[in-house]
Amino acid sequence: MIPRKKWLRAALVVVLAVIAYGSFRLYLNHELRDIGGQERISDSDLQRARLLLRLGANPNAHFWMDAPLAFEIMTAWSPHGDRNRDLLFIELLEHGADPNSRDGWDESLPLLAQGFNLEVEKALLKHGGCLGNNMQTALGTMQEVEKRGNKEEIELFRAAYEQEKQKP
């Protein structure tokens, strides 16, 4: 039988380990959020973000009433053509980010309705992104894509729209 003193020490070690692990995960998420909040993401920051994700940063992490991290990164203002922001978002999807995440109050449209470059849209669809909250908004998204006039994008979204129509 284990003496009470040793049992209490072991319990204390376990509690401290859980606290340390939780603090580490919080740190990883905070660092990833800082990278995503930058106006432009450098190559070194992209590599750092990839490392944070491999170490266990959660792309779906919420901070208080904020939106999930992946949603905030993709909807944050940034100069057009920030290739590293697109690559970071695709990396977040590869690490389990919700492709249908919305703002903290669930008032925004899904990410596919926001309008990104074709590579990001393909990644969103690959990971289960939907065109809208319902068929009405999905149709609106489809119409916006048709207005943009990119033939490959239109075909991609038409196929996704047809799949969504088939869902019960």
Protein backbone atom coordinates (compact mmCIF):
# COMPACT_ATOMS: atom_id res chain seq x y z
CA MET A 1 0.00 0.00 0.00
CA ILE A 2 1.25 3.50 -0.89
CA PRO A 3 1.72 5.83 2.06
CA ARG A 4 -0.57 8.86 2.08
CA LYS A 5 2.32 11.33 1.77
CA LYS A 6 3.63 9.69 -1.45
CA TRP A 7 0.12 9.54 -2.89
CA LEU A 8 -0.40 13.28 -2.23
CA ARG A 9 2.97 14.08 -3.85
CA ALA A 10 2.06 12.03 -6.92
CA ALA A 11 -1.33 13.76 -7.15
CA LEU A 12 0.34 17.17 -6.88
CA VAL A 13 2.79 16.27 -9.67
CA VAL A 14 -0.09 15.20 -11.92
CA VAL A 15 -2.05 18.41 -11.22
CA LEU A 16 1.01 20.57 -11.90
CA ALA A 17 1.71 18.66 -15.13
CA VAL A 18 -1.86 19.24 -16.33
CA ILE A 19 -1.59 22.95 -15.52
CA ALA A 20 1.76 23.19 -17.31
CA TYR A 21 0.41 21.39 -20.38
CA GLY A 22 -2.67 23.64 -20.51
CA SER A 23 -0.49 26.73 -20.17
CA PHE A 24 1.76 25.49 -22.98
CA ARG A 25 -1.23 24.91 -25.29
CA LEU A 26 -2.57 28.38 -24.44
CA TYR A 27 0.85 29.84 -25.27
CA LEU A 28 0.93 28.02 -28.64
CA ASN A 29 -2.55 29.30 -29.52
CA HIS A 30 -1.65 32.84 -28.48
CA GLU A 31 1.52 32.83 -30.59
CA LEU A 32 -0.38 31.50 -33.61
CA ARG A 33 -3.03 34.21 -33.16
CA ASP A 34 -0.26 36.85 -33.05
CA ILE A 35 1.17 35.61 -36.35
CA GLY A 36 -2.26 35.58 -37.97
CA GLY A 37 -2.99 39.09 -36.76
CA GLN A 38 -0.04 40.61 -38.57
CA GLU A 39 -0.68 42.77 -41.61
CA ARG A 40 1.73 40.68 -43.67
CA ILE A 41 3.03 37.22 -42.80
CA SER A 42 6.73 36.75 -43.50
CA ASP A 43 8.31 33.47 -44.59
CA SER A 44 9.87 33.03 -41.14
CA ASP A 45 6.50 33.66 -39.45
CA LEU A 46 4.89 31.08 -41.73
CA GLN A 47 7.55 28.54 -40.71
CA ARG A 48 7.01 29.44 -37.04
CA ALA A 49 3.24 28.99 -37.43
CA ARG A 50 3.78 25.56 -38.97
CA LEU A 51 5.96 24.61 -36.01
CA LEU A 52 3.33 25.87 -33.56
CA LEU A 53 0.70 23.72 -35.29
CA ARG A 54 2.96 20.66 -35.16
CA LEU A 55 3.50 21.29 -31.45
CA GLY A 56 -0.26 21.31 -30.84
CA ALA A 57 -1.66 24.80 -31.43
CA ASN A 58 -5.41 24.54 -32.00
CA PRO A 59 -6.63 26.25 -35.21
CA ASN A 60 -10.17 26.19 -33.80
CA ALA A 61 -9.21 27.86 -30.53
CA HIS A 62 -11.55 30.58 -29.25
CA PHE A 63 -10.47 33.42 -27.03
CA TRP A 64 -13.35 34.71 -24.96
CA MET A 65 -16.10 35.71 -27.44
CA ASP A 66 -13.77 35.81 -30.45
CA ALA A 67 -14.25 33.77 -33.57
CA PRO A 68 -12.14 30.66 -34.11
CA LEU A 69 -8.53 31.38 -34.95
CA ALA A 70 -8.76 30.19 -38.58
CA PHE A 71 -11.77 32.45 -39.21
CA GLU A 72 -10.00 35.47 -37.75
CA ILE A 73 -6.86 34.84 -39.78
CA MET A 74 -8.71 34.62 -43.07
CA THR A 75 -11.11 37.49 -42.50
CA ALA A 76 -8.52 39.87 -41.04
CA TRP A 77 -7.64 42.73 -43.34
CA SER A 78 -4.43 42.20 -45.25
CA PRO A 79 -3.01 43.48 -48.50
CA HIS A 80 -4.19 41.43 -51.44
CA GLY A 81 -1.68 38.92 -52.64
CA ASP A 82 -0.31 37.86 -49.24
CA ARG A 83 0.63 34.38 -50.40
CA ASN A 84 1.89 33.41 -46.93
CA ARG A 85 -1.52 34.21 -45.40
CA ASP A 86 -3.12 31.86 -47.92
CA LEU A 87 -0.54 29.17 -47.19
CA LEU A 88 -1.07 29.60 -43.44
CA PHE A 89 -4.81 29.20 -43.86
CA ILE A 90 -4.36 26.04 -45.93
CA GLU A 91 -1.99 24.77 -43.22
CA LEU A 92 -4.65 25.49 -40.59
CA LEU A 93 -7.16 23.44 -42.61
CA GLU A 94 -4.65 20.60 -42.84
CA HIS A 95 -4.40 20.69 -39.04
CA GLY A 96 -8.15 20.43 -38.48
CA ALA A 97 -9.47 24.00 -38.74
CA ASP A 98 -13.24 24.14 -39.23
CA PRO A 99 -13.82 25.14 -42.88
CA ASN A 100 -17.29 26.39 -41.96
CA SER A 101 -16.32 28.51 -38.97
CA ARG A 102 -18.00 31.85 -38.48
CA ASP A 103 -17.69 34.83 -36.16
CA GLY A 104 -18.25 34.55 -32.41
CA TRP A 105 -21.98 35.20 -32.77
CA ASP A 106 -22.50 32.94 -35.80
CA GLU A 107 -23.76 35.90 -37.80
CA SER A 108 -21.33 35.78 -40.71
CA LEU A 109 -21.45 33.62 -43.79
CA PRO A 110 -19.19 30.58 -44.05
CA LEU A 111 -15.65 31.20 -45.23
CA LEU A 112 -16.31 30.02 -48.80
CA ALA A 113 -18.78 32.89 -49.21
CA GLN A 114 -16.03 35.40 -48.35
CA GLY A 115 -14.22 35.11 -51.70
CA PHE A 116 -10.59 33.96 -51.72
CA ASN A 117 -8.16 32.86 -54.36
CA LEU A 118 -8.79 29.57 -56.12
CA GLU A 119 -6.15 27.63 -54.18
CA VAL A 120 -7.74 28.54 -50.83
CA GLU A 121 -11.25 27.84 -52.15
CA LYS A 122 -10.14 24.39 -53.32
CA ALA A 123 -8.66 23.70 -49.87
CA LEU A 124 -11.88 24.83 -48.18
CA LEU A 125 -13.96 22.52 -50.38
CA LYS A 126 -11.50 19.64 -49.90
CA HIS A 127 -11.93 19.94 -46.14
CA GLY A 128 -15.74 20.11 -46.24
CA GLY A 129 -16.45 23.82 -46.60
CA CYS A 130 -20.01 24.73 -47.52
CA LEU A 131 -21.20 27.58 -49.72
CA GLY A 132 -23.76 28.97 -47.32
CA ASN A 133 -25.71 28.57 -44.10
CA ASN A 134 -28.66 27.31 -46.16
CA MET A 135 -29.50 26.82 -49.84
CA GLN A 136 -30.51 30.48 -50.21
CA THR A 137 -27.09 31.77 -49.14
CA ALA A 138 -25.38 28.97 -51.11
CA LEU A 139 -27.19 30.20 -54.22
CA GLY A 140 -26.10 33.77 -53.43
CA THR A 141 -22.49 32.61 -53.12
CA MET A 142 -22.80 30.81 -56.46
CA GLN A 143 -24.14 33.97 -58.10
CA GLU A 144 -21.25 36.05 -56.71
CA VAL A 145 -18.76 33.55 -58.12
CA GLU A 146 -20.44 33.72 -61.53
CA LYS A 147 -20.15 37.53 -61.48
CA ARG A 148 -16.38 37.25 -60.96
CA GLY A 149 -16.19 35.30 -64.22
CA ASN A 150 -13.31 32.90 -63.49
CA LYS A 151 -14.27 29.78 -65.47
CA GLU A 152 -12.36 27.30 -63.27
CA GLU A 153 -13.80 28.85 -60.12
CA ILE A 154 -17.34 28.74 -61.54
CA GLU A 155 -16.99 25.04 -62.40
CA LEU A 156 -15.59 24.30 -58.95
CA PHE A 157 -18.43 26.10 -57.19
CA ARG A 158 -21.12 24.63 -59.44
CA ALA A 159 -19.95 21.13 -58.52
CA ALA A 160 -19.98 22.10 -54.82
CA TYR A 161 -23.44 23.66 -55.17
CA GLU A 162 -24.80 20.52 -56.81
CA GLN A 163 -23.37 18.42 -53.96
CA GLU A 164 -24.99 20.68 -51.37
CA LYS A 165 -28.35 20.40 -53.16
CA GLN A 166 -28.13 16.62 -52.82
CA LYS A 167 -27.73 16.76 -49.03
CA PRO A 168 -30.91 16.10 -47.03
